[in-house]
Amino acid sequence: MHVAGTMEQDGEKAEIDLHLQGEDAIGSLTMGGVDIELLSVDGAVYLQAPPEFWASFGMPEDAAAMFDGQWVIVPGDAAAEFATSPSTGSSTICATRAARSRTTSAPTRSTARTSW
């Protein structure tokens, strides 16, 4: 299933473009002009976002710069708050917890797409 469109949350407009298959998802979110890539596979949620995304949650700029180009695994409790509903197209991000995540090796976006 493909979910795409715009939404508004707490007065902020966002764009969503996700491909869903079962419990897995891949796609992008644009919030406040910042593009965030999302990959959810087998219950694990990964984000790839520019340093300004991580810095906007209080992460020091030099630490946020280390996340540039990296997939970040979102801890389970924060991932539970990263809920995507195909029926409503709504999405919620608990990025303050995601900012405390660790970098990891995750499947690349192209790898995930070809496996679907």
C-alpha atoms as a PDB file:
ATOM      1  CA  MET A   1       0.000   0.000   0.000  1.00  0.00           C
ATOM      2  CA  HIS A   2       1.233   3.485  -0.837  1.00  0.00           C
ATOM      3  CA  VAL A   3       0.321   6.378   1.465  1.00  0.00           C
ATOM      4  CA  ALA A   4       1.178   9.900   0.350  1.00  0.00           C
ATOM      5  CA  GLY A   5      -0.116  13.330   1.181  1.00  0.00           C
ATOM      6  CA  THR A   6       0.106  16.202   3.596  1.00  0.00           C
ATOM      7  CA  MET A   7      -0.924  16.445   7.199  1.00  0.00           C
ATOM      8  CA  GLU A   8      -0.890  18.937  10.020  1.00  0.00           C
ATOM      9  CA  GLN A   9       0.179  18.191  13.557  1.00  0.00           C
ATOM     10  CA  ASP A  10       0.407  20.791  16.303  1.00  0.00           C
ATOM     11  CA  GLY A  11       0.056  23.532  13.674  1.00  0.00           C
ATOM     12  CA  GLU A  12       2.998  22.236  11.635  1.00  0.00           C
ATOM     13  CA  LYS A  13       2.431  20.957   8.120  1.00  0.00           C
ATOM     14  CA  ALA A  14       4.218  17.832   6.991  1.00  0.00           C
ATOM     15  CA  GLU A  15       4.387  15.664   3.899  1.00  0.00           C
ATOM     16  CA  ILE A  16       4.324  11.902   4.030  1.00  0.00           C
ATOM     17  CA  ASP A  17       5.237   9.371   1.338  1.00  0.00           C
ATOM     18  CA  LEU A  18       5.324   5.794   2.609  1.00  0.00           C
ATOM     19  CA  HIS A  19       5.128   2.343   1.087  1.00  0.00           C
ATOM     20  CA  LEU A  20       3.646  -0.166   3.522  1.00  0.00           C
ATOM     21  CA  GLN A  21       3.728  -3.939   3.413  1.00  0.00           C
ATOM     22  CA  GLY A  22       2.363  -5.722   6.464  1.00  0.00           C
ATOM     23  CA  GLU A  23       4.103  -4.203   9.469  1.00  0.00           C
ATOM     24  CA  ASP A  24       7.049  -2.932   7.369  1.00  0.00           C
ATOM     25  CA  ALA A  25       7.355   0.539   5.852  1.00  0.00           C
ATOM     26  CA  ILE A  26       9.764   2.609   3.786  1.00  0.00           C
ATOM     27  CA  GLY A  27       9.526   6.192   2.668  1.00  0.00           C
ATOM     28  CA  SER A  28       9.997   9.779   3.663  1.00  0.00           C
ATOM     29  CA  LEU A  29       8.535  12.456   5.875  1.00  0.00           C
ATOM     30  CA  THR A  30       9.138  16.155   5.396  1.00  0.00           C
ATOM     31  CA  MET A  31       8.603  18.246   8.491  1.00  0.00           C
ATOM     32  CA  GLY A  32       9.530  21.893   8.800  1.00  0.00           C
ATOM     33  CA  GLY A  33      11.328  21.660   5.470  1.00  0.00           C
ATOM     34  CA  VAL A  34      13.546  18.820   6.727  1.00  0.00           C
ATOM     35  CA  ASP A  35      13.494  15.501   4.858  1.00  0.00           C
ATOM     36  CA  ILE A  36      13.542  12.381   7.021  1.00  0.00           C
ATOM     37  CA  GLU A  37      13.921   8.901   5.554  1.00  0.00           C
ATOM     38  CA  LEU A  38      12.124   6.087   7.358  1.00  0.00           C
ATOM     39  CA  LEU A  39      12.679   2.345   7.241  1.00  0.00           C
ATOM     40  CA  SER A  40      10.716  -0.063   9.434  1.00  0.00           C
ATOM     41  CA  VAL A  41      11.610  -3.758   9.089  1.00  0.00           C
ATOM     42  CA  ASP A  42      10.650  -6.631  11.400  1.00  0.00           C
ATOM     43  CA  GLY A  43       9.674  -4.250  14.191  1.00  0.00           C
ATOM     44  CA  ALA A  44      12.879  -2.179  14.039  1.00  0.00           C
ATOM     45  CA  VAL A  45      12.534   1.467  13.003  1.00  0.00           C
ATOM     46  CA  TYR A  46      15.416   3.354  11.390  1.00  0.00           C
ATOM     47  CA  LEU A  47      15.645   7.062  10.536  1.00  0.00           C
ATOM     48  CA  GLN A  48      18.076   8.929   8.330  1.00  0.00           C
ATOM     49  CA  ALA A  49      17.920  12.685   8.753  1.00  0.00           C
ATOM     50  CA  PRO A  50      20.220  15.681   8.319  1.00  0.00           C
ATOM     51  CA  PRO A  51      22.150  17.059  11.310  1.00  0.00           C
ATOM     52  CA  GLU A  52      19.754  19.982  11.755  1.00  0.00           C
ATOM     53  CA  PHE A  53      16.958  17.496  12.531  1.00  0.00           C
ATOM     54  CA  TRP A  54      18.917  15.975  15.423  1.00  0.00           C
ATOM     55  CA  ALA A  55      20.214  19.367  16.598  1.00  0.00           C
ATOM     56  CA  SER A  56      16.668  20.740  16.730  1.00  0.00           C
ATOM     57  CA  PHE A  57      16.039  18.462  19.731  1.00  0.00           C
ATOM     58  CA  GLY A  58      18.926  19.803  21.762  1.00  0.00           C
ATOM     59  CA  MET A  59      21.680  17.529  20.494  1.00  0.00           C
ATOM     60  CA  PRO A  60      24.970  19.464  20.278  1.00  0.00           C
ATOM     61  CA  GLU A  61      25.766  20.416  16.676  1.00  0.00           C
ATOM     62  CA  ASP A  62      29.059  18.484  16.626  1.00  0.00           C
ATOM     63  CA  ALA A  63      27.273  15.335  17.841  1.00  0.00           C
ATOM     64  CA  ALA A  64      24.408  15.862  15.375  1.00  0.00           C
ATOM     65  CA  ALA A  65      26.936  16.139  12.536  1.00  0.00           C
ATOM     66  CA  MET A  66      28.067  12.566  13.268  1.00  0.00           C
ATOM     67  CA  PHE A  67      24.585  11.349  12.289  1.00  0.00           C
ATOM     68  CA  ASP A  68      24.829  12.866   8.795  1.00  0.00           C
ATOM     69  CA  GLY A  69      24.212  10.128   6.216  1.00  0.00           C
ATOM     70  CA  GLN A  70      23.759   7.482   8.920  1.00  0.00           C
ATOM     71  CA  TRP A  71      20.754   5.275   9.619  1.00  0.00           C
ATOM     72  CA  VAL A  72      19.766   5.624  13.275  1.00  0.00           C
ATOM     73  CA  ILE A  73      17.832   2.861  14.999  1.00  0.00           C
ATOM     74  CA  VAL A  74      14.979   4.180  17.088  1.00  0.00           C
ATOM     75  CA  PRO A  75      14.697   2.462  20.491  1.00  0.00           C
ATOM     76  CA  GLY A  76      11.628   0.254  20.919  1.00  0.00           C
ATOM     77  CA  ASP A  77       9.778   2.577  23.287  1.00  0.00           C
ATOM     78  CA  ALA A  78      10.246   5.554  20.945  1.00  0.00           C
ATOM     79  CA  ALA A  79       9.427   3.408  17.893  1.00  0.00           C
ATOM     80  CA  ALA A  80       6.085   2.560  19.498  1.00  0.00           C
ATOM     81  CA  GLU A  81       5.354   6.284  19.459  1.00  0.00           C
ATOM     82  CA  PHE A  82       6.357   6.454  15.791  1.00  0.00           C
ATOM     83  CA  ALA A  83       2.952   5.185  14.721  1.00  0.00           C
ATOM     84  CA  THR A  84       1.827   5.202  11.128  1.00  0.00           C
ATOM     85  CA  SER A  85      -1.795   4.534  10.363  1.00  0.00           C
ATOM     86  CA  PRO A  86      -2.503   3.530   6.752  1.00  0.00           C
ATOM     87  CA  SER A  87      -6.194   4.245   7.205  1.00  0.00           C
ATOM     88  CA  THR A  88      -5.721   7.850   8.293  1.00  0.00           C
ATOM     89  CA  GLY A  89      -2.315   8.616   6.850  1.00  0.00           C
ATOM     90  CA  SER A  90      -1.289  10.126  10.175  1.00  0.00           C
ATOM     91  CA  SER A  91       2.178   9.848  11.600  1.00  0.00           C
ATOM     92  CA  THR A  92       3.672  10.841  14.924  1.00  0.00           C
ATOM     93  CA  ILE A  93       7.352  11.203  15.703  1.00  0.00           C
ATOM     94  CA  CYS A  94       8.873  11.136  19.157  1.00  0.00           C
ATOM     95  CA  ALA A  95      12.185  12.518  17.970  1.00  0.00           C
ATOM     96  CA  THR A  96      13.500  13.581  21.341  1.00  0.00           C
ATOM     97  CA  ARG A  97      13.939   9.908  22.158  1.00  0.00           C
ATOM     98  CA  ALA A  98      15.132   9.143  18.647  1.00  0.00           C
ATOM     99  CA  ALA A  99      17.868  11.730  19.107  1.00  0.00           C
ATOM    100  CA  ARG A 100      19.246   9.585  21.925  1.00  0.00           C
ATOM    101  CA  SER A 101      19.411   6.607  19.566  1.00  0.00           C
ATOM    102  CA  ARG A 102      22.587   4.985  18.334  1.00  0.00           C
ATOM    103  CA  THR A 103      23.866   4.764  14.786  1.00  0.00           C
ATOM    104  CA  THR A 104      23.791   1.358  13.200  1.00  0.00           C
ATOM    105  CA  SER A 105      24.137  -0.436   9.932  1.00  0.00           C
ATOM    106  CA  ALA A 106      20.726  -0.886   8.386  1.00  0.00           C
ATOM    107  CA  PRO A 107      19.589  -2.120   5.018  1.00  0.00           C
ATOM    108  CA  THR A 108      19.897   0.597   2.441  1.00  0.00           C
ATOM    109  CA  ARG A 109      16.748   2.029   0.996  1.00  0.00           C
ATOM    110  CA  SER A 110      17.392   0.460  -2.386  1.00  0.00           C
ATOM    111  CA  THR A 111      18.016  -2.957  -0.816  1.00  0.00           C
ATOM    112  CA  ALA A 112      14.753  -2.767   1.108  1.00  0.00           C
ATOM    113  CA  ARG A 113      12.805  -1.795  -1.995  1.00  0.00           C
ATOM    114  CA  THR A 114      14.176  -4.589  -4.103  1.00  0.00           C
ATOM    115  CA  SER A 115      13.271  -7.131  -1.421  1.00  0.00           C
ATOM    116  CA  TRP A 116       9.598  -6.145  -1.627  1.00  0.00           C
END
